[in-house]
Amino acid sequence: MSTVTVPLPDEDFQFMSDWARQQGTTVEEFFAREAHNLRQHLEAPLHPDLERATGILTPSVEGQSAHLDHLDRKHV
């Protein structure tokens, strides 16, 4: 197991310590759990519905100008 040292302002560390104690954990356990959850989330495959939606918008679509054009037509 690896160890990481993260500098935090005293005020933030005190807040995290108080919050973690109220949750029945420690700051270290909280950060370890969040790191694990982030890794699992990012390594998980996309939901099949998202996979099917991939490619609906082509990279050539300029979304902001298309949206602004839509709003101009809608509110004329």
Protein backbone atom coordinates (compact mmCIF):
# COMPACT_ATOMS: atom_id res chain seq x y z
CA MET A 1 0.00 0.00 0.00
CA SER A 2 1.27 3.47 -0.88
CA THR A 3 1.11 6.62 1.20
CA VAL A 4 0.40 10.11 -0.12
CA THR A 5 0.92 13.36 1.74
CA VAL A 6 -1.48 16.11 0.73
CA PRO A 7 -0.94 19.62 2.06
CA LEU A 8 -4.20 21.22 3.20
CA PRO A 9 -4.82 24.56 4.84
CA ASP A 10 -5.42 24.06 8.57
CA GLU A 11 -9.00 25.31 8.24
CA ASP A 12 -9.79 22.76 5.51
CA PHE A 13 -8.13 19.93 7.42
CA GLN A 14 -10.11 20.78 10.55
CA PHE A 15 -13.33 20.83 8.53
CA MET A 16 -12.48 17.46 6.95
CA SER A 17 -11.57 15.97 10.33
CA ASP A 18 -14.81 17.13 11.93
CA TRP A 19 -16.89 15.95 8.98
CA ALA A 20 -15.17 12.56 8.82
CA ARG A 21 -15.64 12.02 12.55
CA GLN A 22 -19.38 12.76 12.16
CA GLN A 23 -19.46 10.16 9.36
CA GLY A 24 -17.71 7.57 11.51
CA THR A 25 -14.51 7.56 9.46
CA THR A 26 -11.19 9.37 9.18
CA VAL A 27 -9.89 11.82 6.61
CA GLU A 28 -7.44 9.17 5.41
CA GLU A 29 -10.17 6.54 5.01
CA PHE A 30 -12.38 9.03 3.19
CA PHE A 31 -9.68 9.94 0.64
CA ALA A 32 -8.71 6.29 0.16
CA ARG A 33 -12.34 5.33 -0.49
CA GLU A 34 -12.83 8.23 -2.91
CA ALA A 35 -9.66 7.32 -4.84
CA HIS A 36 -10.90 3.73 -5.11
CA ASN A 37 -14.36 4.86 -6.24
CA LEU A 38 -12.87 7.19 -8.87
CA ARG A 39 -10.71 4.40 -10.29
CA GLN A 40 -13.66 2.01 -10.45
CA HIS A 41 -15.85 4.64 -12.11
CA LEU A 42 -13.28 5.56 -14.74
CA GLU A 43 -12.37 1.96 -15.52
CA ALA A 44 -15.98 0.78 -15.83
CA PRO A 45 -17.31 0.30 -19.36
CA LEU A 46 -19.93 2.73 -20.63
CA HIS A 47 -23.57 1.73 -20.25
CA PRO A 48 -24.88 0.15 -23.48
CA ASP A 49 -27.32 3.05 -23.98
CA LEU A 50 -24.40 5.48 -23.96
CA GLU A 51 -22.45 3.29 -26.34
CA ARG A 52 -25.38 3.33 -28.77
CA ALA A 53 -25.61 7.13 -28.55
CA THR A 54 -21.94 7.54 -29.40
CA GLY A 55 -21.49 9.18 -32.78
CA ILE A 56 -24.95 10.77 -32.97
CA LEU A 57 -23.27 14.18 -33.05
CA THR A 58 -20.37 14.39 -35.42
CA PRO A 59 -17.21 16.24 -34.43
CA SER A 60 -17.97 18.82 -37.13
CA VAL A 61 -21.10 20.04 -35.32
CA GLU A 62 -20.48 23.40 -33.71
CA GLY A 63 -22.95 23.15 -30.84
CA GLN A 64 -22.90 26.66 -29.45
CA SER A 65 -23.59 28.45 -32.73
CA ALA A 66 -26.24 25.85 -33.66
CA HIS A 67 -27.92 26.45 -30.31
CA LEU A 68 -27.78 30.23 -30.69
CA ASP A 69 -29.24 29.94 -34.21
CA HIS A 70 -32.05 27.80 -32.79
CA LEU A 71 -32.78 30.40 -30.11
CA ASP A 72 -32.81 33.20 -32.71
CA ARG A 73 -35.39 31.31 -34.80
CA LYS A 74 -37.43 30.37 -31.74
CA HIS A 75 -37.68 33.87 -30.31
CA VAL A 76 -38.25 35.93 -33.49
